[in-house]
């Protein structure tokens, strides 16, 4: 009985919408930039249009690489919808369009798989069900009925949980004989980085391989707890930045480090995000900013309860 009451109490708990708004803005911008980068690097042609054969995921053979113009249009749609998500314009249509177009791109060829593509797909799917447009968005600016300064707290916690799964599962996956005892494959990877600035001469040292192996495992297992505890949050975020910048410099893993760094900001208090929004919203006068800081609660209790139940099953 007490457990049921605690669960009910949790689902009725509210939080300021600012962290979700900042997450929406940053997620949309970085994904829009990722599509532009993919085009600029020539990877659309190289990975999808030039090959005569593509490997398909099981049960998704029907997803084929379309004609050249349609493929480029698909990437334009994906990038532009991500930008619309960022500014919160026609948010529900935009996030659904991004999820479907990004998912289609991901499923066109199995050989392009990266685990952060899968993570982005999951985040986009969850965002379809969250009221990320109710605060500091074009939709909220234009429609009074869309505005809310407070939302159910689980709307933010579900994104924290997704990030926690990424980190903790990565840590658990490293707890094996090869990684912890043989320092593999880091012994191979780091030994090829002898030309790395400053630390290069140390990359061939065995102790360095074990430092990276054990350090990486402990980082993944415990960084979420550093971020959840207010007293250690700043230190945790510094570790996040250092860890992902180093991995970005050492290994070709694309935009993933920056996705994780920016996503991690959601662990900070709502006041921090409100400060960020005030700084980036200088285009609004103080009178217009009061439109968003209105003290309103998100009005979608019945829908919110159904979505909470659905996402609980999804996360399980």
C-alpha atoms as a PDB file:
ATOM      1  CA  UNK A   1       0.000   0.000   0.000  1.00  0.00           C
ATOM      2  CA  UNK A   2       2.779   2.403   0.953  1.00  0.00           C
ATOM      3  CA  UNK A   3       4.648   1.564  -2.271  1.00  0.00           C
ATOM      4  CA  UNK A   4       1.567   2.273  -4.361  1.00  0.00           C
ATOM      5  CA  UNK A   5       1.072   5.606  -2.599  1.00  0.00           C
ATOM      6  CA  UNK A   6       4.718   6.534  -3.196  1.00  0.00           C
ATOM      7  CA  UNK A   7       4.410   5.705  -6.902  1.00  0.00           C
ATOM      8  CA  UNK A   8       1.186   7.720  -7.181  1.00  0.00           C
ATOM      9  CA  UNK A   9       2.837  10.599  -5.324  1.00  0.00           C
ATOM     10  CA  UNK A  10       5.821  10.498  -7.666  1.00  0.00           C
ATOM     11  CA  UNK A  11       3.687  10.614 -10.822  1.00  0.00           C
ATOM     12  CA  UNK A  12       1.868  13.680  -9.430  1.00  0.00           C
ATOM     13  CA  UNK A  13       5.123  15.487  -8.633  1.00  0.00           C
ATOM     14  CA  UNK A  14       5.812  18.508 -10.838  1.00  0.00           C
ATOM     15  CA  UNK A  15       9.015  20.152 -12.009  1.00  0.00           C
ATOM     16  CA  UNK A  16       9.887  23.269 -13.956  1.00  0.00           C
ATOM     17  CA  UNK A  17       9.835  22.694 -17.706  1.00  0.00           C
ATOM     18  CA  UNK A  18      13.132  24.515 -18.361  1.00  0.00           C
ATOM     19  CA  UNK A  19      15.404  21.386 -18.364  1.00  0.00           C
ATOM     20  CA  UNK A  20      13.200  19.683 -20.953  1.00  0.00           C
ATOM     21  CA  UNK A  21      13.112  22.839 -23.079  1.00  0.00           C
ATOM     22  CA  UNK A  22      16.915  23.136 -23.030  1.00  0.00           C
ATOM     23  CA  UNK A  23      17.226  19.434 -23.881  1.00  0.00           C
ATOM     24  CA  UNK A  24      14.846  19.912 -26.841  1.00  0.00           C
ATOM     25  CA  UNK A  25      16.778  22.918 -28.130  1.00  0.00           C
ATOM     26  CA  UNK A  26      20.217  21.287 -27.869  1.00  0.00           C
ATOM     27  CA  UNK A  27      19.060  17.902 -29.184  1.00  0.00           C
ATOM     28  CA  UNK A  28      17.415  19.493 -32.213  1.00  0.00           C
ATOM     29  CA  UNK A  29      20.399  21.713 -33.006  1.00  0.00           C
ATOM     30  CA  UNK A  30      23.028  18.990 -32.731  1.00  0.00           C
ATOM     31  CA  UNK A  31      20.996  16.573 -34.847  1.00  0.00           C
ATOM     32  CA  UNK A  32      20.401  19.241 -37.478  1.00  0.00           C
ATOM     33  CA  UNK A  33      24.142  19.954 -37.509  1.00  0.00           C
ATOM     34  CA  UNK A  34      24.825  16.204 -37.772  1.00  0.00           C
ATOM     35  CA  UNK A  35      22.771  15.954 -40.968  1.00  0.00           C
ATOM     36  CA  UNK A  36      24.591  18.948 -42.471  1.00  0.00           C
ATOM     37  CA  UNK A  37      27.932  17.423 -41.466  1.00  0.00           C
ATOM     38  CA  UNK A  38      26.977  14.061 -43.011  1.00  0.00           C
ATOM     39  CA  UNK A  39      26.199  15.799 -46.320  1.00  0.00           C
ATOM     40  CA  UNK A  40      29.305  18.026 -46.185  1.00  0.00           C
ATOM     41  CA  UNK A  41      31.585  15.018 -45.619  1.00  0.00           C
ATOM     42  CA  UNK A  42      30.216  13.373 -48.752  1.00  0.00           C
ATOM     43  CA  UNK A  43      28.969  10.368 -46.793  1.00  0.00           C
ATOM     44  CA  UNK A  44      25.513  10.331 -48.420  1.00  0.00           C
ATOM     45  CA  UNK A  45      27.120   9.527 -51.744  1.00  0.00           C
ATOM     46  CA  UNK A  46      29.875   7.323 -50.315  1.00  0.00           C
ATOM     47  CA  UNK A  47      27.798   5.187 -47.945  1.00  0.00           C
ATOM     48  CA  UNK A  48      24.388   5.036 -49.595  1.00  0.00           C
ATOM     49  CA  UNK A  49      24.432   5.997 -53.278  1.00  0.00           C
ATOM     50  CA  UNK A  50      27.770   4.642 -54.527  1.00  0.00           C
ATOM     51  CA  UNK A  51      27.530   1.027 -53.229  1.00  0.00           C
ATOM     52  CA  UNK A  52      25.675  -1.463 -55.430  1.00  0.00           C
ATOM     53  CA  UNK A  53      24.693  -3.608 -52.443  1.00  0.00           C
ATOM     54  CA  UNK A  54      23.417  -2.806 -48.974  1.00  0.00           C
ATOM     55  CA  UNK A  55      23.099  -5.058 -45.926  1.00  0.00           C
ATOM     56  CA  UNK A  56      19.655  -4.962 -44.355  1.00  0.00           C
ATOM     57  CA  UNK A  57      18.411  -5.561 -40.841  1.00  0.00           C
ATOM     58  CA  UNK A  58      16.342  -8.668 -40.259  1.00  0.00           C
ATOM     59  CA  UNK A  59      12.669  -8.025 -41.111  1.00  0.00           C
ATOM     60  CA  UNK A  60      13.515  -4.603 -42.581  1.00  0.00           C
ATOM     61  CA  UNK A  61      14.459  -5.719 -46.099  1.00  0.00           C
ATOM     62  CA  UNK A  62      11.660  -3.525 -47.450  1.00  0.00           C
ATOM     63  CA  UNK A  63      13.619  -0.403 -46.440  1.00  0.00           C
ATOM     64  CA  UNK A  64      15.727   0.351 -49.496  1.00  0.00           C
ATOM     65  CA  UNK A  65      18.006   3.234 -50.464  1.00  0.00           C
ATOM     66  CA  UNK A  66      15.801   5.396 -52.724  1.00  0.00           C
ATOM     67  CA  UNK A  67      16.914   7.315 -55.808  1.00  0.00           C
ATOM     68  CA  UNK A  68      19.660   9.932 -55.439  1.00  0.00           C
ATOM     69  CA  UNK A  69      17.311  12.918 -55.286  1.00  0.00           C
ATOM     70  CA  UNK A  70      14.996  11.132 -52.837  1.00  0.00           C
ATOM     71  CA  UNK A  71      17.931  10.190 -50.591  1.00  0.00           C
ATOM     72  CA  UNK A  72      19.109  13.793 -50.440  1.00  0.00           C
ATOM     73  CA  UNK A  73      15.523  14.909 -49.798  1.00  0.00           C
ATOM     74  CA  UNK A  74      15.352  12.390 -46.933  1.00  0.00           C
ATOM     75  CA  UNK A  75      18.435  13.935 -45.300  1.00  0.00           C
ATOM     76  CA  UNK A  76      17.072  17.462 -45.852  1.00  0.00           C
ATOM     77  CA  UNK A  77      13.779  16.433 -44.225  1.00  0.00           C
ATOM     78  CA  UNK A  78      15.602  14.881 -41.280  1.00  0.00           C
ATOM     79  CA  UNK A  79      17.874  17.898 -40.712  1.00  0.00           C
ATOM     80  CA  UNK A  80      15.126  20.491 -41.176  1.00  0.00           C
ATOM     81  CA  UNK A  81      12.688  18.659 -38.893  1.00  0.00           C
ATOM     82  CA  UNK A  82      15.441  18.499 -36.234  1.00  0.00           C
ATOM     83  CA  UNK A  83      15.808  22.280 -36.506  1.00  0.00           C
ATOM     84  CA  UNK A  84      12.037  22.718 -36.120  1.00  0.00           C
ATOM     85  CA  UNK A  85      12.180  20.499 -33.031  1.00  0.00           C
ATOM     86  CA  UNK A  86      14.853  22.788 -31.631  1.00  0.00           C
ATOM     87  CA  UNK A  87      12.783  25.951 -31.999  1.00  0.00           C
ATOM     88  CA  UNK A  88       9.577  24.123 -31.043  1.00  0.00           C
ATOM     89  CA  UNK A  89       7.619  24.856 -34.219  1.00  0.00           C
ATOM     90  CA  UNK A  90       4.791  22.384 -34.918  1.00  0.00           C
ATOM     91  CA  UNK A  91       6.641  20.261 -32.387  1.00  0.00           C
ATOM     92  CA  UNK A  92       4.600  17.049 -32.495  1.00  0.00           C
ATOM     93  CA  UNK A  93       4.747  16.840 -36.288  1.00  0.00           C
ATOM     94  CA  UNK A  94       8.417  17.838 -36.313  1.00  0.00           C
ATOM     95  CA  UNK A  95       9.635  15.283 -33.746  1.00  0.00           C
ATOM     96  CA  UNK A  96       7.593  12.507 -35.375  1.00  0.00           C
ATOM     97  CA  UNK A  97       9.032  13.460 -38.789  1.00  0.00           C
ATOM     98  CA  UNK A  98      12.543  13.462 -37.372  1.00  0.00           C
ATOM     99  CA  UNK A  99      12.054  10.079 -35.687  1.00  0.00           C
ATOM    100  CA  UNK A 100      10.713   8.451 -38.867  1.00  0.00           C
ATOM    101  CA  UNK A 101      13.262  10.002 -41.252  1.00  0.00           C
ATOM    102  CA  UNK A 102      16.232   9.353 -38.953  1.00  0.00           C
ATOM    103  CA  UNK A 103      15.011   5.799 -38.357  1.00  0.00           C
ATOM    104  CA  UNK A 104      14.690   5.214 -42.093  1.00  0.00           C
ATOM    105  CA  UNK A 105      18.243   6.466 -42.659  1.00  0.00           C
ATOM    106  CA  UNK A 106      19.514   4.234 -39.855  1.00  0.00           C
ATOM    107  CA  UNK A 107      17.779   1.158 -41.281  1.00  0.00           C
ATOM    108  CA  UNK A 108      18.896   1.650 -44.906  1.00  0.00           C
ATOM    109  CA  UNK A 109      22.236  -0.090 -44.367  1.00  0.00           C
ATOM    110  CA  UNK A 110      23.316  -2.258 -41.456  1.00  0.00           C
ATOM    111  CA  UNK A 111      27.037  -1.511 -42.015  1.00  0.00           C
ATOM    112  CA  UNK A 112      26.601   2.138 -40.989  1.00  0.00           C
ATOM    113  CA  UNK A 113      25.396   1.150 -37.493  1.00  0.00           C
ATOM    114  CA  UNK A 114      26.738   3.097 -34.540  1.00  0.00           C
ATOM    115  CA  UNK A 115      25.339   2.646 -31.047  1.00  0.00           C
ATOM    116  CA  UNK A 116      24.711   6.378 -30.688  1.00  0.00           C
ATOM    117  CA  UNK A 117      22.398   6.257 -33.743  1.00  0.00           C
ATOM    118  CA  UNK A 118      20.302   3.779 -31.776  1.00  0.00           C
ATOM    119  CA  UNK A 119      20.433   6.044 -28.719  1.00  0.00           C
ATOM    120  CA  UNK A 120      19.280   9.037 -30.799  1.00  0.00           C
ATOM    121  CA  UNK A 121      16.376   6.968 -32.154  1.00  0.00           C
ATOM    122  CA  UNK A 122      15.294   6.028 -28.631  1.00  0.00           C
ATOM    123  CA  UNK A 123      15.517   9.630 -27.415  1.00  0.00           C
ATOM    124  CA  UNK A 124      13.521  10.857 -30.413  1.00  0.00           C
ATOM    125  CA  UNK A 125      10.886   8.196 -29.785  1.00  0.00           C
ATOM    126  CA  UNK A 126      10.511   9.204 -26.131  1.00  0.00           C
ATOM    127  CA  UNK A 127      10.360  12.912 -27.051  1.00  0.00           C
ATOM    128  CA  UNK A 128       7.299  12.215 -29.206  1.00  0.00           C
ATOM    129  CA  UNK A 129       5.345  11.645 -25.975  1.00  0.00           C
ATOM    130  CA  UNK A 130       6.789  14.466 -23.847  1.00  0.00           C
ATOM    131  CA  UNK A 131       5.417  18.043 -23.699  1.00  0.00           C
ATOM    132  CA  UNK A 132       8.759  19.547 -24.706  1.00  0.00           C
ATOM    133  CA  UNK A 133       7.034  22.365 -26.604  1.00  0.00           C
ATOM    134  CA  UNK A 134       5.256  23.995 -23.643  1.00  0.00           C
ATOM    135  CA  UNK A 135       8.177  26.223 -22.624  1.00  0.00           C
ATOM    136  CA  UNK A 136      10.380  28.539 -24.709  1.00  0.00           C
ATOM    137  CA  UNK A 137       9.104  27.343 -28.059  1.00  0.00           C
ATOM    138  CA  UNK A 138       7.478  28.930 -31.077  1.00  0.00           C
ATOM    139  CA  UNK A 139       4.357  26.856 -30.400  1.00  0.00           C
ATOM    140  CA  UNK A 140       4.074  28.167 -26.835  1.00  0.00           C
ATOM    141  CA  UNK A 141       4.768  31.714 -27.991  1.00  0.00           C
ATOM    142  CA  UNK A 142       1.989  31.577 -30.565  1.00  0.00           C
ATOM    143  CA  UNK A 143      -0.639  29.570 -28.649  1.00  0.00           C
ATOM    144  CA  UNK A 144      -1.635  30.307 -25.063  1.00  0.00           C
ATOM    145  CA  UNK A 145      -3.132  26.820 -24.687  1.00  0.00           C
ATOM    146  CA  UNK A 146       0.336  25.283 -25.267  1.00  0.00           C
ATOM    147  CA  UNK A 147       2.081  27.194 -22.464  1.00  0.00           C
ATOM    148  CA  UNK A 148       3.179  25.732 -19.159  1.00  0.00           C
ATOM    149  CA  UNK A 149       6.019  26.482 -16.775  1.00  0.00           C
ATOM    150  CA  UNK A 150       5.557  23.267 -14.787  1.00  0.00           C
ATOM    151  CA  UNK A 151       5.329  19.689 -16.075  1.00  0.00           C
ATOM    152  CA  UNK A 152       5.253  16.226 -14.416  1.00  0.00           C
ATOM    153  CA  UNK A 153       8.729  15.512 -13.021  1.00  0.00           C
ATOM    154  CA  UNK A 154       8.905  12.105 -14.694  1.00  0.00           C
ATOM    155  CA  UNK A 155       9.027  13.861 -18.077  1.00  0.00           C
ATOM    156  CA  UNK A 156      12.571  14.900 -17.200  1.00  0.00           C
ATOM    157  CA  UNK A 157      13.490  11.796 -15.221  1.00  0.00           C
ATOM    158  CA  UNK A 158      12.733   9.476 -18.148  1.00  0.00           C
ATOM    159  CA  UNK A 159      15.507  11.171 -20.156  1.00  0.00           C
ATOM    160  CA  UNK A 160      17.878  10.900 -17.195  1.00  0.00           C
ATOM    161  CA  UNK A 161      17.040   7.196 -17.050  1.00  0.00           C
ATOM    162  CA  UNK A 162      17.849   6.746 -20.743  1.00  0.00           C
ATOM    163  CA  UNK A 163      21.259   8.341 -20.169  1.00  0.00           C
ATOM    164  CA  UNK A 164      21.793   6.219 -17.073  1.00  0.00           C
ATOM    165  CA  UNK A 165      21.116   3.064 -19.080  1.00  0.00           C
ATOM    166  CA  UNK A 166      23.683   4.091 -21.700  1.00  0.00           C
ATOM    167  CA  UNK A 167      26.400   4.658 -19.110  1.00  0.00           C
ATOM    168  CA  UNK A 168      25.691   1.831 -16.657  1.00  0.00           C
ATOM    169  CA  UNK A 169      25.183  -0.792 -19.334  1.00  0.00           C
ATOM    170  CA  UNK A 170      28.452   0.329 -20.974  1.00  0.00           C
ATOM    171  CA  UNK A 171      30.145  -0.154 -17.613  1.00  0.00           C
ATOM    172  CA  UNK A 172      28.636  -3.604 -17.092  1.00  0.00           C
ATOM    173  CA  UNK A 173      29.666  -4.623 -20.615  1.00  0.00           C
ATOM    174  CA  UNK A 174      33.286  -3.801 -19.718  1.00  0.00           C
ATOM    175  CA  UNK A 175      33.330  -6.137 -16.711  1.00  0.00           C
ATOM    176  CA  UNK A 176      34.865  -9.048 -18.583  1.00  0.00           C
ATOM    177  CA  UNK A 177      38.242 -10.790 -18.647  1.00  0.00           C
ATOM    178  CA  UNK A 178      39.495  -9.214 -21.870  1.00  0.00           C
ATOM    179  CA  UNK A 179      38.728  -5.632 -20.837  1.00  0.00           C
ATOM    180  CA  UNK A 180      39.720  -5.746 -17.155  1.00  0.00           C
ATOM    181  CA  UNK A 181      42.562  -8.317 -17.098  1.00  0.00           C
ATOM    182  CA  UNK A 182      44.060  -8.130 -20.599  1.00  0.00           C
ATOM    183  CA  UNK A 183      43.264  -4.433 -21.180  1.00  0.00           C
ATOM    184  CA  UNK A 184      41.944  -5.369 -24.604  1.00  0.00           C
ATOM    185  CA  UNK A 185      41.124  -3.948 -27.074  1.00  0.00           C
ATOM    186  CA  UNK A 186      42.559  -0.716 -25.624  1.00  0.00           C
ATOM    187  CA  UNK A 187      46.095  -2.137 -25.756  1.00  0.00           C
ATOM    188  CA  UNK A 188      45.719  -2.385 -29.530  1.00  0.00           C
ATOM    189  CA  UNK A 189      43.869   0.889 -29.988  1.00  0.00           C
ATOM    190  CA  UNK A 190      46.137   3.050 -27.820  1.00  0.00           C
ATOM    191  CA  UNK A 191      49.360   1.559 -29.205  1.00  0.00           C
ATOM    192  CA  UNK A 192      48.385   3.012 -32.589  1.00  0.00           C
ATOM    193  CA  UNK A 193      48.194   6.532 -31.112  1.00  0.00           C
ATOM    194  CA  UNK A 194      51.891   7.159 -30.442  1.00  0.00           C
ATOM    195  CA  UNK A 195      51.669  10.405 -32.447  1.00  0.00           C
ATOM    196  CA  UNK A 196      48.965  11.765 -30.134  1.00  0.00           C
ATOM    197  CA  UNK A 197      49.932  15.230 -28.758  1.00  0.00           C
ATOM    198  CA  UNK A 198      51.611  15.270 -25.299  1.00  0.00           C
ATOM    199  CA  UNK A 199      50.396  11.821 -24.202  1.00  0.00           C
ATOM    200  CA  UNK A 200      51.541  10.058 -27.386  1.00  0.00           C
ATOM    201  CA  UNK A 201      54.783   8.545 -25.976  1.00  0.00           C
ATOM    202  CA  UNK A 202      52.780   7.025 -23.100  1.00  0.00           C
ATOM    203  CA  UNK A 203      50.201   5.341 -25.342  1.00  0.00           C
ATOM    204  CA  UNK A 204      52.413   2.293 -25.765  1.00  0.00           C
ATOM    205  CA  UNK A 205      52.821   1.768 -22.013  1.00  0.00           C
ATOM    206  CA  UNK A 206      50.954  -1.164 -20.495  1.00  0.00           C
ATOM    207  CA  UNK A 207      49.978   0.781 -17.373  1.00  0.00           C
ATOM    208  CA  UNK A 208      48.304   3.387 -19.607  1.00  0.00           C
ATOM    209  CA  UNK A 209      46.223   0.667 -21.244  1.00  0.00           C
ATOM    210  CA  UNK A 210      45.046  -0.540 -17.828  1.00  0.00           C
ATOM    211  CA  UNK A 211      44.390   3.033 -16.684  1.00  0.00           C
ATOM    212  CA  UNK A 212      42.087   3.614 -19.656  1.00  0.00           C
ATOM    213  CA  UNK A 213      40.426   0.201 -19.325  1.00  0.00           C
ATOM    214  CA  UNK A 214      39.724   0.383 -15.602  1.00  0.00           C
ATOM    215  CA  UNK A 215      39.084   4.128 -15.664  1.00  0.00           C
ATOM    216  CA  UNK A 216      36.571   3.740 -18.492  1.00  0.00           C
ATOM    217  CA  UNK A 217      34.719   0.963 -16.691  1.00  0.00           C
ATOM    218  CA  UNK A 218      34.481   2.850 -13.392  1.00  0.00           C
ATOM    219  CA  UNK A 219      33.529   6.068 -15.186  1.00  0.00           C
ATOM    220  CA  UNK A 220      30.606   4.388 -16.950  1.00  0.00           C
ATOM    221  CA  UNK A 221      29.424   2.585 -13.821  1.00  0.00           C
ATOM    222  CA  UNK A 222      29.458   5.559 -11.454  1.00  0.00           C
ATOM    223  CA  UNK A 223      29.238   8.821 -13.446  1.00  0.00           C
ATOM    224  CA  UNK A 224      25.424   8.891 -13.238  1.00  0.00           C
ATOM    225  CA  UNK A 225      25.570   8.844  -9.436  1.00  0.00           C
ATOM    226  CA  UNK A 226      28.015  11.776  -9.482  1.00  0.00           C
ATOM    227  CA  UNK A 227      25.530  13.660 -11.674  1.00  0.00           C
ATOM    228  CA  UNK A 228      22.507  12.801  -9.531  1.00  0.00           C
ATOM    229  CA  UNK A 229      24.095  14.022  -6.280  1.00  0.00           C
ATOM    230  CA  UNK A 230      24.048  17.815  -6.166  1.00  0.00           C
ATOM    231  CA  UNK A 231      27.349  18.108  -4.255  1.00  0.00           C
ATOM    232  CA  UNK A 232      29.291  16.104  -6.835  1.00  0.00           C
ATOM    233  CA  UNK A 233      27.422  17.272  -9.965  1.00  0.00           C
ATOM    234  CA  UNK A 234      29.955  19.891 -11.070  1.00  0.00           C
ATOM    235  CA  UNK A 235      32.802  17.401 -10.679  1.00  0.00           C
ATOM    236  CA  UNK A 236      30.729  14.806 -12.525  1.00  0.00           C
ATOM    237  CA  UNK A 237      30.100  17.163 -15.443  1.00  0.00           C
ATOM    238  CA  UNK A 238      33.800  18.069 -15.639  1.00  0.00           C
ATOM    239  CA  UNK A 239      34.573  14.335 -15.831  1.00  0.00           C
ATOM    240  CA  UNK A 240      31.933  13.940 -18.559  1.00  0.00           C
ATOM    241  CA  UNK A 241      33.528  16.706 -20.637  1.00  0.00           C
ATOM    242  CA  UNK A 242      37.082  15.414 -20.150  1.00  0.00           C
ATOM    243  CA  UNK A 243      36.113  11.796 -20.849  1.00  0.00           C
ATOM    244  CA  UNK A 244      34.220  12.529 -24.046  1.00  0.00           C
ATOM    245  CA  UNK A 245      36.725  15.058 -25.403  1.00  0.00           C
ATOM    246  CA  UNK A 246      39.566  12.552 -24.913  1.00  0.00           C
ATOM    247  CA  UNK A 247      37.596   9.748 -26.570  1.00  0.00           C
ATOM    248  CA  UNK A 248      36.665  12.114 -29.431  1.00  0.00           C
ATOM    249  CA  UNK A 249      40.327  12.980 -29.987  1.00  0.00           C
ATOM    250  CA  UNK A 250      41.466   9.351 -29.813  1.00  0.00           C
ATOM    251  CA  UNK A 251      38.718   7.518 -31.665  1.00  0.00           C
ATOM    252  CA  UNK A 252      36.552   8.335 -34.727  1.00  0.00           C
ATOM    253  CA  UNK A 253      33.127   8.189 -33.071  1.00  0.00           C
ATOM    254  CA  UNK A 254      31.538  11.219 -34.737  1.00  0.00           C
ATOM    255  CA  UNK A 255      29.089  13.394 -32.846  1.00  0.00           C
ATOM    256  CA  UNK A 256      28.483  10.961 -29.981  1.00  0.00           C
ATOM    257  CA  UNK A 257      30.760  12.729 -27.435  1.00  0.00           C
ATOM    258  CA  UNK A 258      28.992  16.047 -28.010  1.00  0.00           C
ATOM    259  CA  UNK A 259      25.543  14.434 -27.863  1.00  0.00           C
ATOM    260  CA  UNK A 260      26.424  12.961 -24.470  1.00  0.00           C
ATOM    261  CA  UNK A 261      28.024  16.157 -23.111  1.00  0.00           C
ATOM    262  CA  UNK A 262      25.030  18.310 -24.018  1.00  0.00           C
ATOM    263  CA  UNK A 263      22.480  15.682 -22.938  1.00  0.00           C
ATOM    264  CA  UNK A 264      24.130  15.436 -19.520  1.00  0.00           C
ATOM    265  CA  UNK A 265      23.080  19.028 -18.782  1.00  0.00           C
ATOM    266  CA  UNK A 266      19.596  17.701 -18.000  1.00  0.00           C
ATOM    267  CA  UNK A 267      20.931  16.522 -14.601  1.00  0.00           C
ATOM    268  CA  UNK A 268      21.390  20.164 -13.509  1.00  0.00           C
ATOM    269  CA  UNK A 269      18.788  22.048 -11.491  1.00  0.00           C
ATOM    270  CA  UNK A 270      15.938  23.887 -13.227  1.00  0.00           C
ATOM    271  CA  UNK A 271      17.371  27.282 -12.175  1.00  0.00           C
ATOM    272  CA  UNK A 272      20.502  26.538 -14.204  1.00  0.00           C
ATOM    273  CA  UNK A 273      18.416  25.883 -17.331  1.00  0.00           C
ATOM    274  CA  UNK A 274      16.271  28.956 -16.764  1.00  0.00           C
ATOM    275  CA  UNK A 275      19.471  30.989 -16.657  1.00  0.00           C
ATOM    276  CA  UNK A 276      20.591  29.478 -19.964  1.00  0.00           C
ATOM    277  CA  UNK A 277      17.246  30.249 -21.560  1.00  0.00           C
ATOM    278  CA  UNK A 278      17.335  33.853 -20.369  1.00  0.00           C
ATOM    279  CA  UNK A 279      20.752  34.285 -21.963  1.00  0.00           C
ATOM    280  CA  UNK A 280      19.762  32.800 -25.317  1.00  0.00           C
ATOM    281  CA  UNK A 281      16.376  34.532 -25.431  1.00  0.00           C
ATOM    282  CA  UNK A 282      17.553  38.122 -25.620  1.00  0.00           C
ATOM    283  CA  UNK A 283      15.490  38.361 -28.816  1.00  0.00           C
ATOM    284  CA  UNK A 284      12.451  38.468 -26.527  1.00  0.00           C
ATOM    285  CA  UNK A 285      11.636  41.502 -24.442  1.00  0.00           C
ATOM    286  CA  UNK A 286      11.028  41.022 -20.726  1.00  0.00           C
ATOM    287  CA  UNK A 287       7.315  41.377 -21.394  1.00  0.00           C
ATOM    288  CA  UNK A 288       7.408  38.539 -23.914  1.00  0.00           C
ATOM    289  CA  UNK A 289       9.547  36.368 -21.641  1.00  0.00           C
ATOM    290  CA  UNK A 290       6.755  36.594 -19.050  1.00  0.00           C
ATOM    291  CA  UNK A 291       4.625  34.618 -21.508  1.00  0.00           C
ATOM    292  CA  UNK A 292       6.724  31.574 -20.650  1.00  0.00           C
ATOM    293  CA  UNK A 293       7.311  32.283 -16.948  1.00  0.00           C
ATOM    294  CA  UNK A 294       3.604  32.199 -16.258  1.00  0.00           C
ATOM    295  CA  UNK A 295       3.370  29.762 -13.344  1.00  0.00           C
ATOM    296  CA  UNK A 296       1.015  27.500 -15.322  1.00  0.00           C
ATOM    297  CA  UNK A 297       0.947  23.716 -14.888  1.00  0.00           C
ATOM    298  CA  UNK A 298       0.829  21.378 -17.868  1.00  0.00           C
ATOM    299  CA  UNK A 299      -2.840  20.565 -18.489  1.00  0.00           C
ATOM    300  CA  UNK A 300      -2.819  16.985 -19.686  1.00  0.00           C
ATOM    301  CA  UNK A 301      -3.286  14.801 -16.609  1.00  0.00           C
ATOM    302  CA  UNK A 302      -5.280  12.004 -18.238  1.00  0.00           C
ATOM    303  CA  UNK A 303      -3.020  11.853 -21.282  1.00  0.00           C
ATOM    304  CA  UNK A 304       0.045  12.181 -19.057  1.00  0.00           C
ATOM    305  CA  UNK A 305      -1.054   9.222 -16.919  1.00  0.00           C
ATOM    306  CA  UNK A 306      -1.491   6.997 -19.981  1.00  0.00           C
ATOM    307  CA  UNK A 307       1.858   8.058 -21.465  1.00  0.00           C
ATOM    308  CA  UNK A 308       3.613   7.532 -18.111  1.00  0.00           C
ATOM    309  CA  UNK A 309       2.300   3.964 -18.000  1.00  0.00           C
ATOM    310  CA  UNK A 310       3.329   3.326 -21.604  1.00  0.00           C
ATOM    311  CA  UNK A 311       6.853   4.737 -21.140  1.00  0.00           C
ATOM    312  CA  UNK A 312       7.272   2.775 -17.917  1.00  0.00           C
ATOM    313  CA  UNK A 313       6.687  -0.430 -19.879  1.00  0.00           C
ATOM    314  CA  UNK A 314       8.972   0.853 -22.628  1.00  0.00           C
ATOM    315  CA  UNK A 315      11.819   1.545 -20.210  1.00  0.00           C
ATOM    316  CA  UNK A 316      11.407  -1.859 -18.561  1.00  0.00           C
END
